[in-house]
């Protein structure tokens, strides 16, 4: 279905169980970060996986609150930069499953065209618990408090973080997306330094360090308000990184979280070490990255809840169901291992050999008693507690190298 919106045509799309109207011009690409045109509400089809995971996270959080006795209702959810309203409306129609603990969704956008589109989509979709505002997001977050806040901008989230960390109630969830991966991944070092007060190093693990730099920045801003933000789920795609944080109040908790930040020194794409007091500044051949969060990127209990939910028949409809199932299974294993991973092609380059198959690496490492799991961030990456010397032996002994 297509209709004239006055400033351009709208097309009906269905994502999950939700049908909304979006600008027809946004449907040309199903990958990449998209482009934001002046006067047009932004909708990116490539972010369906992102929104599917938001639905799951929200449904899991509602169920968790019910089980632990956090039954103050309704649960307030702010979709801060809503554009078409699709994320917030999907929360209402797909994650609002507990009658005694309903969600109340606020979709906000300062752009007037987007605001009118949100109103149109609330009516079009039949969402009963979704409302719209047309306010400056930072001012809105300074004036109100929410159980869950989503900040998903086109570009950097930095301008919104100070208000966002204060807008989330104790025990709530803040989710933050950044699409300025050129800065966070090291292609634009000065931009990262300027925005996130951290230095990136461009390596094969740059998407993980991007997540950790973003998390570290949000935690430091939260610390100035005596709030502790701990990642409960983090992931990246080619054009964005996203972190879900559990928010707790208290100076002591904040100090503990900030104590989990640090620097990583890179000698190459496969050689790194955490910087400690005895570190010599000139001994990092490729550079020093950070400060960044060095702790776990996920909460195992939340991952287990999401994993179990994905096994239920009622969630099979999600467009990214298969991808998310695989993603969460890898996260469940890697959460027990430390920061950073190895990339098979970079290891081959370092050892001057051909890449070794992932199954071979897994078999040999587990035979030697080491842990192994595929990296959720990179299809060619894996995590292990084995040293580089152990990996070199596996690469050099692989029959395909002879």
Protein backbone atom coordinates (compact mmCIF):
# COMPACT_ATOMS: atom_id res chain seq x y z
CA UNK A 1 0.00 0.00 0.00
CA UNK A 2 1.29 3.46 -0.94
CA UNK A 3 -0.17 6.83 -0.01
CA UNK A 4 0.75 10.47 -0.42
CA UNK A 5 2.05 12.07 2.78
CA UNK A 6 2.11 15.61 1.41
CA UNK A 7 5.90 15.80 1.54
CA UNK A 8 6.40 12.47 -0.23
CA UNK A 9 4.83 9.04 -0.68
CA UNK A 10 4.57 6.49 2.11
CA UNK A 11 4.68 2.73 1.73
CA UNK A 12 3.28 0.18 4.15
CA UNK A 13 5.86 -2.30 5.39
CA UNK A 14 5.51 -5.15 7.85
CA UNK A 15 8.33 -5.97 10.25
CA UNK A 16 7.74 -8.70 12.79
CA UNK A 17 4.03 -8.48 13.56
CA UNK A 18 3.87 -4.73 13.07
CA UNK A 19 2.74 -2.80 10.00
CA UNK A 20 3.69 0.87 9.64
CA UNK A 21 4.05 3.50 6.93
CA UNK A 22 7.55 4.59 5.96
CA UNK A 23 8.94 7.01 3.34
CA UNK A 24 9.11 5.14 0.04
CA UNK A 25 12.60 6.44 -0.68
CA UNK A 26 14.00 4.62 2.37
CA UNK A 27 13.24 1.19 0.92
CA UNK A 28 15.92 1.18 -1.77
CA UNK A 29 18.67 -0.31 0.40
CA UNK A 30 18.54 -3.23 2.80
CA UNK A 31 22.12 -2.91 4.03
CA UNK A 32 24.47 -0.26 5.35
CA UNK A 33 23.81 2.73 7.59
CA UNK A 34 21.42 4.43 5.19
CA UNK A 35 21.22 8.15 4.52
CA UNK A 36 19.16 10.79 6.25
CA UNK A 37 17.58 13.23 3.87
CA UNK A 38 16.42 16.65 4.99
CA UNK A 39 12.65 16.80 5.53
CA UNK A 40 12.19 13.02 5.35
CA UNK A 41 11.58 10.70 8.30
CA UNK A 42 14.39 8.18 8.51
CA UNK A 43 13.77 4.44 8.25
CA UNK A 44 16.53 1.88 7.71
CA UNK A 45 15.41 -1.62 6.64
CA UNK A 46 18.89 -2.94 7.46
CA UNK A 47 18.24 -2.40 11.17
CA UNK A 48 15.51 -5.06 11.40
CA UNK A 49 17.86 -7.38 13.30
CA UNK A 50 18.58 -4.54 15.72
CA UNK A 51 14.86 -4.00 16.31
CA UNK A 52 14.12 -7.74 16.57
CA UNK A 53 16.68 -7.97 19.36
CA UNK A 54 15.12 -4.94 21.06
CA UNK A 55 11.77 -6.74 21.08
CA UNK A 56 13.37 -9.81 22.67
CA UNK A 57 15.31 -7.78 25.25
CA UNK A 58 12.20 -5.85 26.24
CA UNK A 59 10.04 -8.98 26.52
CA UNK A 60 12.75 -10.65 28.63
CA UNK A 61 13.02 -7.62 30.90
CA UNK A 62 9.28 -7.55 31.51
CA UNK A 63 9.34 -11.26 32.41
CA UNK A 64 12.39 -10.79 34.66
CA UNK A 65 10.72 -7.97 36.57
CA UNK A 66 7.63 -10.07 37.11
CA UNK A 67 9.70 -12.99 38.45
CA UNK A 68 11.75 -10.87 40.90
CA UNK A 69 8.75 -8.97 42.20
CA UNK A 70 9.38 -5.63 40.48
CA UNK A 71 5.69 -5.20 39.73
CA UNK A 72 5.34 -1.43 39.63
CA UNK A 73 3.31 -0.78 36.50
CA UNK A 74 3.37 0.38 33.83
CA UNK A 75 6.94 -0.15 32.64
CA UNK A 76 7.88 3.07 30.85
CA UNK A 77 9.87 2.82 27.61
CA UNK A 78 11.31 5.81 25.73
CA UNK A 79 12.16 5.47 22.05
CA UNK A 80 14.07 8.73 22.02
CA UNK A 81 14.85 9.25 18.33
CA UNK A 82 11.87 7.46 16.91
CA UNK A 83 11.69 8.68 13.27
CA UNK A 84 8.88 6.49 11.88
CA UNK A 85 8.04 5.10 15.33
CA UNK A 86 8.57 1.51 14.26
CA UNK A 87 10.79 0.47 17.17
CA UNK A 88 8.52 1.81 19.89
CA UNK A 89 5.36 0.53 18.23
CA UNK A 90 6.92 -2.92 17.89
CA UNK A 91 7.65 -2.89 21.64
CA UNK A 92 3.97 -2.21 22.25
CA UNK A 93 2.58 -4.81 19.84
CA UNK A 94 5.18 -7.57 20.23
CA UNK A 95 6.83 -7.30 23.68
CA UNK A 96 3.79 -6.17 25.69
CA UNK A 97 2.86 -9.71 26.74
CA UNK A 98 2.28 -9.56 30.51
CA UNK A 99 -1.16 -8.20 31.32
CA UNK A 100 -0.34 -7.36 34.94
CA UNK A 101 2.88 -5.57 33.95
CA UNK A 102 2.10 -3.55 30.80
CA UNK A 103 4.51 -1.43 28.81
CA UNK A 104 3.82 2.22 28.15
CA UNK A 105 5.76 3.48 25.14
CA UNK A 106 6.76 7.05 24.38
CA UNK A 107 8.00 7.67 20.83
CA UNK A 108 9.79 10.99 20.53
CA UNK A 109 11.26 12.89 17.63
CA UNK A 110 12.13 16.58 17.40
CA UNK A 111 11.63 16.57 13.64
CA UNK A 112 8.06 17.72 12.95
CA UNK A 113 7.61 15.49 9.88
CA UNK A 114 8.70 12.47 11.91
CA UNK A 115 6.36 13.40 14.75
CA UNK A 116 3.38 13.50 12.39
CA UNK A 117 4.44 10.18 10.86
CA UNK A 118 4.64 8.61 14.34
CA UNK A 119 1.10 9.77 15.08
CA UNK A 120 -0.05 8.33 11.75
CA UNK A 121 1.67 5.01 12.50
CA UNK A 122 0.24 4.73 16.00
CA UNK A 123 -3.21 4.96 14.43
CA UNK A 124 -2.29 2.78 11.45
CA UNK A 125 -0.84 -0.03 13.58
CA UNK A 126 -3.52 -0.02 16.24
CA UNK A 127 -0.99 0.39 19.06
CA UNK A 128 -2.94 1.13 22.24
CA UNK A 129 -0.11 1.89 24.67
CA UNK A 130 2.08 4.09 22.46
CA UNK A 131 2.19 7.86 22.64
CA UNK A 132 4.16 10.50 20.72
CA UNK A 133 6.01 13.69 21.63
CA UNK A 134 7.82 16.31 19.56
CA UNK A 135 10.54 17.47 21.95
CA UNK A 136 14.28 18.01 22.18
CA UNK A 137 15.45 14.60 23.38
CA UNK A 138 17.97 15.85 25.93
CA UNK A 139 15.43 18.18 27.51
CA UNK A 140 12.84 15.40 27.57
CA UNK A 141 15.25 13.05 29.34
CA UNK A 142 16.23 15.71 31.87
CA UNK A 143 12.58 16.31 32.77
CA UNK A 144 11.32 12.70 32.94
CA UNK A 145 12.42 9.27 34.17
CA UNK A 146 11.87 5.94 32.42
CA UNK A 147 12.41 2.24 33.12
CA UNK A 148 13.93 1.72 29.66
CA UNK A 149 15.51 4.28 27.34
CA UNK A 150 16.67 3.69 23.76
CA UNK A 151 19.05 6.14 22.10
CA UNK A 152 19.55 5.15 18.46
CA UNK A 153 20.77 8.19 16.50
CA UNK A 154 21.99 8.64 12.96
CA UNK A 155 25.68 9.11 13.83
CA UNK A 156 27.14 9.52 17.30
CA UNK A 157 25.06 9.24 20.50
CA UNK A 158 27.48 11.47 22.43
CA UNK A 159 25.24 14.59 22.58
CA UNK A 160 22.53 12.59 24.35
CA UNK A 161 24.49 10.49 26.83
CA UNK A 162 24.67 12.91 29.77
CA UNK A 163 20.89 13.25 29.87
CA UNK A 164 20.27 9.59 29.01
CA UNK A 165 22.21 8.14 31.94
CA UNK A 166 20.11 10.30 34.29
CA UNK A 167 16.80 9.47 32.61
CA UNK A 168 16.88 5.74 33.45
CA UNK A 169 15.45 4.61 36.78
CA UNK A 170 17.44 2.38 39.13
CA UNK A 171 17.51 -1.23 37.83
CA UNK A 172 16.48 0.04 34.38
CA UNK A 173 18.01 -0.50 30.94
CA UNK A 174 19.72 2.03 28.68
CA UNK A 175 20.41 0.95 25.10
CA UNK A 176 22.80 3.00 22.97
CA UNK A 177 23.66 2.72 19.28
CA UNK A 178 26.53 4.43 17.48
CA UNK A 179 26.84 4.46 13.68
CA UNK A 180 30.01 6.59 13.54
CA UNK A 181 32.16 3.49 13.23
CA UNK A 182 34.85 5.34 11.28
CA UNK A 183 35.70 7.14 14.50
CA UNK A 184 35.22 4.22 16.90
CA UNK A 185 37.06 1.66 14.73
CA UNK A 186 40.14 3.79 14.14
CA UNK A 187 39.73 5.20 10.64
CA UNK A 188 39.35 8.67 12.16
CA UNK A 189 41.46 8.73 15.31
CA UNK A 190 41.01 12.43 16.04
CA UNK A 191 37.21 12.17 15.79
CA UNK A 192 37.18 9.35 18.34
CA UNK A 193 39.48 11.27 20.66
CA UNK A 194 37.32 14.36 20.34
CA UNK A 195 33.95 12.64 20.81
CA UNK A 196 34.65 9.69 23.10
CA UNK A 197 37.80 10.90 24.87
CA UNK A 198 39.51 7.68 23.83
CA UNK A 199 42.01 6.56 21.22
CA UNK A 200 41.17 3.71 18.82
CA UNK A 201 43.65 1.46 17.02
CA UNK A 202 42.59 0.03 13.66
CA UNK A 203 42.99 -3.73 13.92
CA UNK A 204 41.09 -6.88 12.97
CA UNK A 205 39.36 -6.57 16.36
CA UNK A 206 38.33 -2.95 15.81
CA UNK A 207 34.59 -3.62 16.10
CA UNK A 208 35.08 -5.09 19.55
CA UNK A 209 37.28 -2.23 20.69
CA UNK A 210 34.64 0.11 19.24
CA UNK A 211 32.02 -1.48 21.51
CA UNK A 212 34.37 -1.24 24.47
CA UNK A 213 35.25 2.40 23.77
CA UNK A 214 31.56 3.31 23.49
CA UNK A 215 30.76 1.41 26.71
CA UNK A 216 33.66 3.04 28.52
CA UNK A 217 32.58 6.53 27.49
CA UNK A 218 28.98 5.99 28.61
CA UNK A 219 30.21 4.58 31.93
CA UNK A 220 32.48 7.56 32.59
CA UNK A 221 29.65 10.03 31.92
CA UNK A 222 27.37 7.97 34.16
CA UNK A 223 30.01 8.00 36.87
CA UNK A 224 29.79 11.79 37.15
CA UNK A 225 26.18 11.25 38.27
CA UNK A 226 27.01 8.33 40.60
CA UNK A 227 25.43 5.77 38.32
CA UNK A 228 26.91 2.39 37.44
CA UNK A 229 26.23 1.08 33.95
CA UNK A 230 27.14 -2.52 33.21
CA UNK A 231 26.79 -4.05 29.73
CA UNK A 232 24.21 -6.83 29.59
CA UNK A 233 24.39 -7.39 25.82
CA UNK A 234 26.67 -5.87 23.18
CA UNK A 235 27.11 -6.48 19.49
CA UNK A 236 28.18 -4.91 16.24
CA UNK A 237 27.43 -4.95 12.55
CA UNK A 238 29.32 -3.47 9.61
CA UNK A 239 27.88 -0.02 10.21
CA UNK A 240 26.95 0.22 13.89
CA UNK A 241 27.75 -0.89 17.41
CA UNK A 242 25.13 -1.24 20.13
CA UNK A 243 25.26 -1.78 23.89
CA UNK A 244 22.49 -2.52 26.38
CA UNK A 245 23.35 -1.40 29.92
CA UNK A 246 21.85 -2.27 33.29
CA UNK A 247 21.64 0.96 35.29
CA UNK A 248 22.23 1.04 39.04
CA UNK A 249 22.56 4.03 41.32
CA UNK A 250 25.35 4.50 43.86
CA UNK A 251 28.84 5.95 44.02
CA UNK A 252 30.33 2.66 45.23
CA UNK A 253 28.82 0.71 42.35
CA UNK A 254 30.02 3.36 39.91
CA UNK A 255 33.57 3.20 41.30
CA UNK A 256 33.56 -0.57 40.84
CA UNK A 257 32.47 -0.29 37.21
CA UNK A 258 35.02 2.43 36.44
CA UNK A 259 37.69 0.18 37.93
CA UNK A 260 37.00 -2.21 35.07
CA UNK A 261 38.30 0.22 32.45
CA UNK A 262 41.79 0.29 31.01
CA UNK A 263 44.06 0.43 27.98
CA UNK A 264 45.16 -2.24 25.50
CA UNK A 265 48.56 -2.10 23.80
CA UNK A 266 48.79 -3.64 20.31
CA UNK A 267 52.03 -4.88 18.79
CA UNK A 268 50.14 -6.32 15.80
CA UNK A 269 46.67 -7.53 14.87
CA UNK A 270 47.25 -10.72 16.88
CA UNK A 271 49.54 -9.46 19.66
CA UNK A 272 48.16 -7.36 22.50
CA UNK A 273 48.39 -6.91 26.23
CA UNK A 274 46.60 -4.98 28.92
CA UNK A 275 48.51 -1.90 30.01
CA UNK A 276 49.57 -2.03 33.66
CA UNK A 277 51.78 0.13 35.86
CA UNK A 278 54.94 -1.55 34.62
CA UNK A 279 54.17 -0.98 30.95
CA UNK A 280 56.76 0.88 28.92
CA UNK A 281 55.11 3.50 26.68
CA UNK A 282 57.22 2.74 23.60
CA UNK A 283 56.59 -1.00 23.57
CA UNK A 284 53.30 -0.94 21.63
CA UNK A 285 54.32 -1.11 17.96
CA UNK A 286 50.83 -0.61 16.55
CA UNK A 287 49.43 1.69 19.22
CA UNK A 288 47.53 1.91 22.50
CA UNK A 289 43.73 1.85 22.50
CA UNK A 290 41.46 3.21 25.19
CA UNK A 291 40.43 3.94 27.80
CA UNK A 292 37.72 1.35 27.31
CA UNK A 293 35.59 -1.15 29.23
CA UNK A 294 37.55 -4.39 29.72
CA UNK A 295 34.90 -6.43 31.53
CA UNK A 296 32.26 -8.80 30.12
CA UNK A 297 30.21 -7.50 27.20
CA UNK A 298 27.15 -9.56 28.15
CA UNK A 299 25.21 -10.73 31.20
CA UNK A 300 24.93 -14.50 31.12
CA UNK A 301 21.57 -14.64 32.90
CA UNK A 302 19.98 -12.23 30.42
CA UNK A 303 21.51 -14.11 27.50
CA UNK A 304 20.10 -17.38 28.84
CA UNK A 305 16.63 -15.83 29.06
CA UNK A 306 16.84 -14.56 25.47
CA UNK A 307 18.20 -17.93 24.30
CA UNK A 308 15.31 -19.79 25.95
CA UNK A 309 12.79 -17.34 24.50
CA UNK A 310 14.16 -17.90 20.99
CA UNK A 311 13.43 -21.63 21.38
CA UNK A 312 9.73 -20.91 21.87
CA UNK A 313 7.45 -21.27 18.87
CA UNK A 314 5.85 -17.86 19.43
CA UNK A 315 9.10 -16.10 18.45
CA UNK A 316 9.75 -18.01 15.22
CA UNK A 317 8.13 -15.18 13.25
CA UNK A 318 11.05 -12.77 13.79
CA UNK A 319 12.80 -11.98 10.53
CA UNK A 320 16.24 -12.30 12.14
CA UNK A 321 15.34 -15.35 14.25
CA UNK A 322 17.96 -17.68 12.79
CA UNK A 323 20.74 -15.08 12.89
CA UNK A 324 19.90 -14.02 16.44
CA UNK A 325 19.74 -17.62 17.67
CA UNK A 326 23.25 -18.24 16.40
CA UNK A 327 24.46 -14.90 17.75
CA UNK A 328 23.14 -15.52 21.26
CA UNK A 329 24.52 -19.07 21.34
CA UNK A 330 28.01 -17.71 20.63
CA UNK A 331 27.60 -14.94 23.19
CA UNK A 332 26.69 -17.51 25.86
CA UNK A 333 30.06 -19.20 25.39
CA UNK A 334 32.27 -16.16 24.86
CA UNK A 335 30.97 -14.32 27.94
CA UNK A 336 33.25 -16.51 30.09
CA UNK A 337 36.38 -15.52 28.16
CA UNK A 338 38.37 -12.29 28.33
CA UNK A 339 38.50 -9.32 25.97
CA UNK A 340 39.47 -9.58 22.28
CA UNK A 341 39.63 -12.47 19.87
CA UNK A 342 41.86 -13.89 17.12
CA UNK A 343 41.00 -13.58 13.44
CA UNK A 344 42.02 -16.61 11.36
CA UNK A 345 43.31 -14.67 8.34
CA UNK A 346 45.38 -12.32 10.51
CA UNK A 347 46.92 -15.30 12.31
CA UNK A 348 47.85 -16.81 8.93
CA UNK A 349 49.43 -13.53 7.86
CA UNK A 350 51.35 -13.30 11.13
CA UNK A 351 52.65 -16.88 10.87
CA UNK A 352 53.23 -16.62 7.08
CA UNK A 353 50.95 -19.59 6.39
CA UNK A 354 47.53 -20.23 4.90
CA UNK A 355 44.45 -19.87 7.15
CA UNK A 356 43.49 -22.92 9.16
CA UNK A 357 39.89 -24.09 9.28
CA UNK A 358 37.90 -23.13 12.36
CA UNK A 359 36.98 -26.77 13.04
CA UNK A 360 40.66 -27.75 13.06
CA UNK A 361 41.54 -24.96 15.47
CA UNK A 362 38.65 -25.91 17.76
CA UNK A 363 39.58 -29.61 17.75
CA UNK A 364 43.25 -29.00 18.48
CA UNK A 365 42.67 -26.43 21.22
CA UNK A 366 40.09 -28.54 23.02
CA UNK A 367 42.36 -31.58 22.74
CA UNK A 368 45.02 -29.57 24.58
CA UNK A 369 42.51 -28.53 27.25
CA UNK A 370 41.98 -24.93 26.12
CA UNK A 371 38.69 -23.13 25.78
CA UNK A 372 37.39 -22.21 22.33
CA UNK A 373 34.38 -20.36 20.96
CA UNK A 374 33.57 -18.51 17.78
CA UNK A 375 33.45 -14.73 18.18
CA UNK A 376 29.97 -13.25 17.95
CA UNK A 377 31.45 -10.10 16.39
CA UNK A 378 33.40 -11.65 13.50
CA UNK A 379 32.59 -14.84 11.52
CA UNK A 380 36.33 -15.45 11.08
CA UNK A 381 37.14 -14.78 14.73
CA UNK A 382 37.45 -17.01 17.77
CA UNK A 383 38.19 -16.61 21.45
CA UNK A 384 40.46 -18.84 23.49
CA UNK A 385 42.56 -18.87 26.62
CA UNK A 386 45.48 -20.35 24.66
CA UNK A 387 48.63 -18.32 24.02
CA UNK A 388 49.89 -17.22 20.63
CA UNK A 389 52.64 -19.86 20.82
CA UNK A 390 49.99 -22.60 21.06
CA UNK A 391 48.16 -21.20 18.04
CA UNK A 392 51.38 -21.04 16.05
CA UNK A 393 51.98 -24.76 16.62
CA UNK A 394 48.47 -25.54 15.38
CA UNK A 395 48.95 -23.44 12.25
CA UNK A 396 52.36 -24.88 11.45
CA UNK A 397 51.26 -28.46 12.09
CA UNK A 398 48.10 -28.24 9.95
CA UNK A 399 48.39 -30.73 7.05
CA UNK A 400 47.05 -28.19 4.57
CA UNK A 401 50.20 -26.11 5.12
CA UNK A 402 52.45 -28.81 3.62
